[in-house]
């Protein structure tokens, strides 16, 4: 099943094949930040901005928010 980016309970990105793809999408949009929590390697943990999440999604449910400009994919 594909994954997408959500804010609250609204899907705001198109569905992508893997959760990893959505993390890259969110990072390109500036929605991934370094947390104060460190992982086992001592590096800051990367998390989504507050209110955003990555979940399983249906491709036809995407409804982008006008206030967020999502990155364009380069082929």
PDB file of N, CA and C in Angstrom:
ATOM      1  N   UNK A   1       0.851  -1.186   0.000  1.00  0.00           N
ATOM      2  CA  UNK A   1       0.000   0.000   0.000  1.00  0.00           C
ATOM      3  C   UNK A   1       0.889   1.238   0.000  1.00  0.00           C
ATOM      4  N   UNK A   2       0.504   2.264  -0.742  1.00  0.00           N
ATOM      5  CA  UNK A   2       1.288   3.492  -0.788  1.00  0.00           C
ATOM      6  C   UNK A   2       1.141   4.322   0.491  1.00  0.00           C
ATOM      7  N   UNK A   3       2.029   5.294   0.633  1.00  0.00           N
ATOM      8  CA  UNK A   3       2.045   6.201   1.773  1.00  0.00           C
ATOM      9  C   UNK A   3       1.932   7.637   1.284  1.00  0.00           C
ATOM     10  N   UNK A   4       1.501   8.532   2.195  1.00  0.00           N
ATOM     11  CA  UNK A   4       1.384   9.950   1.850  1.00  0.00           C
ATOM     12  C   UNK A   4       1.628  10.796   3.091  1.00  0.00           C
ATOM     13  N   UNK A   5       1.790  12.080   2.868  1.00  0.00           N
ATOM     14  CA  UNK A   5       1.985  13.053   3.932  1.00  0.00           C
ATOM     15  C   UNK A   5       0.627  13.602   4.349  1.00  0.00           C
ATOM     16  N   UNK A   6       0.407  13.683   5.655  1.00  0.00           N
ATOM     17  CA  UNK A   6      -0.848  14.188   6.205  1.00  0.00           C
ATOM     18  C   UNK A   6      -0.557  15.346   7.152  1.00  0.00           C
ATOM     19  N   UNK A   7      -1.493  16.283   7.224  1.00  0.00           N
ATOM     20  CA  UNK A   7      -1.493  17.295   8.270  1.00  0.00           C
ATOM     21  C   UNK A   7      -2.830  17.110   8.977  1.00  0.00           C
ATOM     22  N   UNK A   8      -2.742  16.906  10.282  1.00  0.00           N
ATOM     23  CA  UNK A   8      -3.898  16.490  11.063  1.00  0.00           C
ATOM     24  C   UNK A   8      -4.456  15.227  10.408  1.00  0.00           C
ATOM     25  N   UNK A   9      -5.671  15.220   9.916  1.00  0.00           N
ATOM     26  CA  UNK A   9      -6.219  14.019   9.277  1.00  0.00           C
ATOM     27  C   UNK A   9      -6.416  14.186   7.777  1.00  0.00           C
ATOM     28  N   UNK A  10      -5.847  15.242   7.190  1.00  0.00           N
ATOM     29  CA  UNK A  10      -6.027  15.500   5.761  1.00  0.00           C
ATOM     30  C   UNK A  10      -4.767  15.122   4.983  1.00  0.00           C
ATOM     31  N   UNK A  11      -4.931  14.311   3.942  1.00  0.00           N
ATOM     32  CA  UNK A  11      -3.811  13.937   3.081  1.00  0.00           C
ATOM     33  C   UNK A  11      -3.457  15.133   2.212  1.00  0.00           C
ATOM     34  N   UNK A  12      -2.176  15.549   2.249  1.00  0.00           N
ATOM     35  CA  UNK A  12      -1.766  16.746   1.512  1.00  0.00           C
ATOM     36  C   UNK A  12      -0.749  16.458   0.412  1.00  0.00           C
ATOM     37  N   UNK A  13      -0.323  15.221   0.276  1.00  0.00           N
ATOM     38  CA  UNK A  13       0.595  14.880  -0.806  1.00  0.00           C
ATOM     39  C   UNK A  13       0.012  13.740  -1.618  1.00  0.00           C
ATOM     40  N   UNK A  14       0.560  13.563  -2.789  1.00  0.00           N
ATOM     41  CA  UNK A  14       0.141  12.398  -3.558  1.00  0.00           C
ATOM     42  C   UNK A  14       0.703  11.162  -2.880  1.00  0.00           C
ATOM     43  N   UNK A  15       0.113  10.056  -3.141  1.00  0.00           N
ATOM     44  CA  UNK A  15       0.590   8.800  -2.574  1.00  0.00           C
ATOM     45  C   UNK A  15       1.857   8.373  -3.299  1.00  0.00           C
ATOM     46  N   UNK A  16       2.825   7.893  -2.520  1.00  0.00           N
ATOM     47  CA  UNK A  16       4.090   7.412  -3.064  1.00  0.00           C
ATOM     48  C   UNK A  16       4.267   5.943  -2.688  1.00  0.00           C
ATOM     49  N   UNK A  17       5.095   5.219  -3.422  1.00  0.00           N
ATOM     50  CA  UNK A  17       5.194   3.772  -3.210  1.00  0.00           C
ATOM     51  C   UNK A  17       5.665   3.339  -1.824  1.00  0.00           C
ATOM     52  N   UNK A  18       6.576   4.105  -1.197  1.00  0.00           N
ATOM     53  CA  UNK A  18       7.109   3.684   0.103  1.00  0.00           C
ATOM     54  C   UNK A  18       7.092   4.841   1.101  1.00  0.00           C
ATOM     55  N   UNK A  19       7.153   4.496   2.375  1.00  0.00           N
ATOM     56  CA  UNK A  19       7.244   5.496   3.436  1.00  0.00           C
ATOM     57  C   UNK A  19       8.533   6.308   3.284  1.00  0.00           C
ATOM     58  N   UNK A  20       9.613   5.642   2.879  1.00  0.00           N
ATOM     59  CA  UNK A  20      10.904   6.294   2.667  1.00  0.00           C
ATOM     60  C   UNK A  20      10.783   7.406   1.617  1.00  0.00           C
ATOM     61  N   UNK A  21      10.033   7.151   0.545  1.00  0.00           N
ATOM     62  CA  UNK A  21       9.815   8.165  -0.496  1.00  0.00           C
ATOM     63  C   UNK A  21       9.110   9.391   0.069  1.00  0.00           C
ATOM     64  N   UNK A  22       8.161   9.186   0.965  1.00  0.00           N
ATOM     65  CA  UNK A  22       7.421  10.312   1.557  1.00  0.00           C
ATOM     66  C   UNK A  22       8.328  11.119   2.480  1.00  0.00           C
ATOM     67  N   UNK A  23       9.241  10.448   3.197  1.00  0.00           N
ATOM     68  CA  UNK A  23      10.213  11.176   4.028  1.00  0.00           C
ATOM     69  C   UNK A  23      11.057  12.108   3.163  1.00  0.00           C
ATOM     70  N   UNK A  24      11.512  11.635   2.015  1.00  0.00           N
ATOM     71  CA  UNK A  24      12.284  12.490   1.113  1.00  0.00           C
ATOM     72  C   UNK A  24      11.440  13.645   0.600  1.00  0.00           C
ATOM     73  N   UNK A  25      10.199  13.378   0.273  1.00  0.00           N
ATOM     74  CA  UNK A  25       9.260  14.392  -0.194  1.00  0.00           C
ATOM     75  C   UNK A  25       9.073  15.476   0.882  1.00  0.00           C
ATOM     76  N   UNK A  26       8.858  15.038   2.118  1.00  0.00           N
ATOM     77  CA  UNK A  26       8.668  15.973   3.227  1.00  0.00           C
ATOM     78  C   UNK A  26       9.944  16.775   3.492  1.00  0.00           C
ATOM     79  N   UNK A  27      11.088  16.128   3.397  1.00  0.00           N
ATOM     80  CA  UNK A  27      12.362  16.818   3.606  1.00  0.00           C
ATOM     81  C   UNK A  27      12.563  17.889   2.543  1.00  0.00           C
ATOM     82  N   UNK A  28      12.272  17.580   1.290  1.00  0.00           N
ATOM     83  CA  UNK A  28      12.381  18.560   0.208  1.00  0.00           C
ATOM     84  C   UNK A  28      11.446  19.744   0.416  1.00  0.00           C
ATOM     85  N   UNK A  29      10.314  19.516   1.085  1.00  0.00           N
ATOM     86  CA  UNK A  29       9.344  20.583   1.354  1.00  0.00           C
ATOM     87  C   UNK A  29       9.694  21.367   2.616  1.00  0.00           C
ATOM     88  N   UNK A  30      10.777  20.979   3.297  1.00  0.00           N
ATOM     89  CA  UNK A  30      11.193  21.684   4.512  1.00  0.00           C
ATOM     90  C   UNK A  30      10.399  21.311   5.742  1.00  0.00           C
ATOM     91  N   UNK A  31       9.799  20.128   5.740  1.00  0.00           N
ATOM     92  CA  UNK A  31       8.954  19.712   6.854  1.00  0.00           C
ATOM     93  C   UNK A  31       9.637  18.728   7.809  1.00  0.00           C
ATOM     94  N   UNK A  32      10.920  18.455   7.583  1.00  0.00           N
ATOM     95  CA  UNK A  32      11.666  17.545   8.449  1.00  0.00           C
ATOM     96  C   UNK A  32      12.677  18.366   9.236  1.00  0.00           C
ATOM     97  N   UNK A  33      12.699  18.182  10.553  1.00  0.00           N
ATOM     98  CA  UNK A  33      13.592  18.945  11.424  1.00  0.00           C
ATOM     99  C   UNK A  33      14.403  17.999  12.300  1.00  0.00           C
ATOM    100  N   UNK A  34      15.509  18.510  12.836  1.00  0.00           N
ATOM    101  CA  UNK A  34      16.314  17.748  13.781  1.00  0.00           C
ATOM    102  C   UNK A  34      15.725  17.942  15.175  1.00  0.00           C
ATOM    103  N   UNK A  35      15.443  16.835  15.859  1.00  0.00           N
ATOM    104  CA  UNK A  35      14.895  16.892  17.215  1.00  0.00           C
ATOM    105  C   UNK A  35      16.040  16.953  18.213  1.00  0.00           C
ATOM    106  N   UNK A  36      15.746  17.371  19.423  1.00  0.00           N
ATOM    107  CA  UNK A  36      16.748  17.395  20.478  1.00  0.00           C
ATOM    108  C   UNK A  36      17.113  15.991  20.937  1.00  0.00           C
ATOM    109  N   UNK A  37      16.261  15.014  20.626  1.00  0.00           N
ATOM    110  CA  UNK A  37      16.511  13.623  20.987  1.00  0.00           C
ATOM    111  C   UNK A  37      17.559  13.064  20.044  1.00  0.00           C
ATOM    112  N   UNK A  38      18.541  12.357  20.592  1.00  0.00           N
ATOM    113  CA  UNK A  38      19.575  11.757  19.764  1.00  0.00           C
ATOM    114  C   UNK A  38      19.300  10.282  19.578  1.00  0.00           C
ATOM    115  N   UNK A  39      19.646   9.778  18.392  1.00  0.00           N
ATOM    116  CA  UNK A  39      19.482   8.351  18.144  1.00  0.00           C
ATOM    117  C   UNK A  39      20.682   7.592  18.718  1.00  0.00           C
ATOM    118  N   UNK A  40      20.749   6.284  18.492  1.00  0.00           N
ATOM    119  CA  UNK A  40      21.808   5.461  19.071  1.00  0.00           C
ATOM    120  C   UNK A  40      23.204   5.829  18.562  1.00  0.00           C
ATOM    121  N   UNK A  41      23.310   6.529  17.452  1.00  0.00           N
ATOM    122  CA  UNK A  41      24.616   6.945  16.930  1.00  0.00           C
ATOM    123  C   UNK A  41      25.051   8.297  17.484  1.00  0.00           C
ATOM    124  N   UNK A  42      24.181   8.966  18.235  1.00  0.00           N
ATOM    125  CA  UNK A  42      24.499  10.277  18.791  1.00  0.00           C
ATOM    126  C   UNK A  42      24.071  11.434  17.909  1.00  0.00           C
ATOM    127  N   UNK A  43      23.499  11.122  16.748  1.00  0.00           N
ATOM    128  CA  UNK A  43      23.015  12.172  15.850  1.00  0.00           C
ATOM    129  C   UNK A  43      21.608  12.581  16.262  1.00  0.00           C
ATOM    130  N   UNK A  44      21.246  13.850  16.022  1.00  0.00           N
ATOM    131  CA  UNK A  44      19.860  14.258  16.315  1.00  0.00           C
ATOM    132  C   UNK A  44      18.875  13.444  15.479  1.00  0.00           C
ATOM    133  N   UNK A  45      17.750  13.102  16.068  1.00  0.00           N
ATOM    134  CA  UNK A  45      16.722  12.351  15.353  1.00  0.00           C
ATOM    135  C   UNK A  45      15.974  13.297  14.428  1.00  0.00           C
ATOM    136  N   UNK A  46      15.674  12.855  13.218  1.00  0.00           N
ATOM    137  CA  UNK A  46      14.917  13.661  12.256  1.00  0.00           C
ATOM    138  C   UNK A  46      13.439  13.342  12.429  1.00  0.00           C
ATOM    139  N   UNK A  47      12.637  14.377  12.587  1.00  0.00           N
ATOM    140  CA  UNK A  47      11.195  14.210  12.767  1.00  0.00           C
ATOM    141  C   UNK A  47      10.462  15.190  11.865  1.00  0.00           C
ATOM    142  N   UNK A  48       9.158  14.952  11.702  1.00  0.00           N
ATOM    143  CA  UNK A  48       8.323  15.877  10.927  1.00  0.00           C
ATOM    144  C   UNK A  48       7.914  17.051  11.802  1.00  0.00           C
ATOM    145  N   UNK A  49       7.669  18.190  11.168  1.00  0.00           N
ATOM    146  CA  UNK A  49       7.129  19.349  11.877  1.00  0.00           C
ATOM    147  C   UNK A  49       5.859  18.930  12.622  1.00  0.00           C
ATOM    148  N   UNK A  50       5.562  19.631  13.697  1.00  0.00           N
ATOM    149  CA  UNK A  50       4.386  19.319  14.503  1.00  0.00           C
ATOM    150  C   UNK A  50       3.113  19.364  13.652  1.00  0.00           C
ATOM    151  N   UNK A  51       2.267  18.348  13.807  1.00  0.00           N
ATOM    152  CA  UNK A  51       1.001  18.277  13.090  1.00  0.00           C
ATOM    153  C   UNK A  51       1.060  17.444  11.822  1.00  0.00           C
ATOM    154  N   UNK A  52       2.273  17.124  11.356  1.00  0.00           N
ATOM    155  CA  UNK A  52       2.434  16.337  10.136  1.00  0.00           C
ATOM    156  C   UNK A  52       2.716  14.881  10.481  1.00  0.00           C
ATOM    157  N   UNK A  53       2.270  13.995   9.602  1.00  0.00           N
ATOM    158  CA  UNK A  53       2.540  12.569   9.790  1.00  0.00           C
ATOM    159  C   UNK A  53       2.584  11.884   8.430  1.00  0.00           C
ATOM    160  N   UNK A  54       3.153  10.691   8.425  1.00  0.00           N
ATOM    161  CA  UNK A  54       3.197   9.861   7.225  1.00  0.00           C
ATOM    162  C   UNK A  54       2.382   8.622   7.525  1.00  0.00           C
ATOM    163  N   UNK A  55       1.413   8.353   6.657  1.00  0.00           N
ATOM    164  CA  UNK A  55       0.506   7.221   6.867  1.00  0.00           C
ATOM    165  C   UNK A  55       0.241   6.502   5.551  1.00  0.00           C
ATOM    166  N   UNK A  56      -0.320   5.312   5.682  1.00  0.00           N
ATOM    167  CA  UNK A  56      -0.772   4.604   4.489  1.00  0.00           C
ATOM    168  C   UNK A  56      -1.919   5.398   3.872  1.00  0.00           C
ATOM    169  N   UNK A  57      -1.996   5.373   2.538  1.00  0.00           N
ATOM    170  CA  UNK A  57      -2.985   6.209   1.863  1.00  0.00           C
ATOM    171  C   UNK A  57      -3.450   5.579   0.561  1.00  0.00           C
ATOM    172  N   UNK A  58      -4.592   6.045   0.134  1.00  0.00           N
ATOM    173  CA  UNK A  58      -5.130   5.687  -1.183  1.00  0.00           C
ATOM    174  C   UNK A  58      -4.719   6.787  -2.159  1.00  0.00           C
ATOM    175  N   UNK A  59      -4.224   6.444  -3.349  1.00  0.00           N
ATOM    176  CA  UNK A  59      -3.739   7.467  -4.299  1.00  0.00           C
ATOM    177  C   UNK A  59      -4.740   8.558  -4.645  1.00  0.00           C
ATOM    178  N   UNK A  60      -6.011   8.238  -4.752  1.00  0.00           N
ATOM    179  CA  UNK A  60      -6.997   9.230  -5.187  1.00  0.00           C
ATOM    180  C   UNK A  60      -7.436  10.194  -4.083  1.00  0.00           C
ATOM    181  N   UNK A  61      -6.923  10.046  -2.870  1.00  0.00           N
ATOM    182  CA  UNK A  61      -7.351  10.891  -1.752  1.00  0.00           C
ATOM    183  C   UNK A  61      -6.555  12.185  -1.606  1.00  0.00           C
ATOM    184  N   UNK A  62      -5.504  12.399  -2.378  1.00  0.00           N
ATOM    185  CA  UNK A  62      -4.647  13.569  -2.189  1.00  0.00           C
ATOM    186  C   UNK A  62      -5.394  14.868  -2.461  1.00  0.00           C
ATOM    187  N   UNK A  63      -5.324  15.785  -1.500  1.00  0.00           N
ATOM    188  CA  UNK A  63      -5.916  17.116  -1.622  1.00  0.00           C
ATOM    189  C   UNK A  63      -4.889  18.122  -1.095  1.00  0.00           C
ATOM    190  N   UNK A  64      -3.930  18.560  -1.938  1.00  0.00           N
ATOM    191  CA  UNK A  64      -2.880  19.460  -1.456  1.00  0.00           C
ATOM    192  C   UNK A  64      -3.452  20.753  -0.882  1.00  0.00           C
ATOM    193  N   UNK A  65      -2.830  21.216   0.190  1.00  0.00           N
ATOM    194  CA  UNK A  65      -3.217  22.491   0.785  1.00  0.00           C
ATOM    195  C   UNK A  65      -2.586  23.615  -0.019  1.00  0.00           C
ATOM    196  N   UNK A  66      -3.320  24.671  -0.247  1.00  0.00           N
ATOM    197  CA  UNK A  66      -2.819  25.796  -1.035  1.00  0.00           C
ATOM    198  C   UNK A  66      -1.640  26.484  -0.350  1.00  0.00           C
ATOM    199  N   UNK A  67      -1.571  26.430   0.976  1.00  0.00           N
ATOM    200  CA  UNK A  67      -0.523  27.143   1.713  1.00  0.00           C
ATOM    201  C   UNK A  67       0.821  26.423   1.701  1.00  0.00           C
ATOM    202  N   UNK A  68       0.873  25.192   1.213  1.00  0.00           N
ATOM    203  CA  UNK A  68       2.124  24.441   1.188  1.00  0.00           C
ATOM    204  C   UNK A  68       2.487  24.137  -0.251  1.00  0.00           C
ATOM    205  N   UNK A  69       3.648  24.624  -0.656  1.00  0.00           N
ATOM    206  CA  UNK A  69       4.109  24.335  -2.005  1.00  0.00           C
ATOM    207  C   UNK A  69       4.982  23.093  -1.945  1.00  0.00           C
ATOM    208  N   UNK A  70       4.511  22.010  -2.517  1.00  0.00           N
ATOM    209  CA  UNK A  70       5.259  20.776  -2.522  1.00  0.00           C
ATOM    210  C   UNK A  70       6.305  20.794  -3.622  1.00  0.00           C
ATOM    211  N   UNK A  71       7.436  20.135  -3.389  1.00  0.00           N
ATOM    212  CA  UNK A  71       8.503  20.143  -4.398  1.00  0.00           C
ATOM    213  C   UNK A  71       8.098  19.433  -5.679  1.00  0.00           C
ATOM    214  N   UNK A  72       8.659  19.905  -6.762  1.00  0.00           N
ATOM    215  CA  UNK A  72       8.407  19.260  -8.054  1.00  0.00           C
ATOM    216  C   UNK A  72       9.433  18.147  -8.222  1.00  0.00           C
ATOM    217  N   UNK A  73       8.995  17.037  -8.760  1.00  0.00           N
ATOM    218  CA  UNK A  73       9.880  15.897  -8.948  1.00  0.00           C
ATOM    219  C   UNK A  73      10.621  16.047 -10.266  1.00  0.00           C
ATOM    220  N   UNK A  74      11.934  15.890 -10.221  1.00  0.00           N
ATOM    221  CA  UNK A  74      12.762  15.974 -11.422  1.00  0.00           C
ATOM    222  C   UNK A  74      12.953  14.560 -11.950  1.00  0.00           C
ATOM    223  N   UNK A  75      12.628  14.362 -13.220  1.00  0.00           N
ATOM    224  CA  UNK A  75      12.732  13.022 -13.800  1.00  0.00           C
ATOM    225  C   UNK A  75      14.127  12.726 -14.265  1.00  0.00           C
TER     226      UNK A  75
END
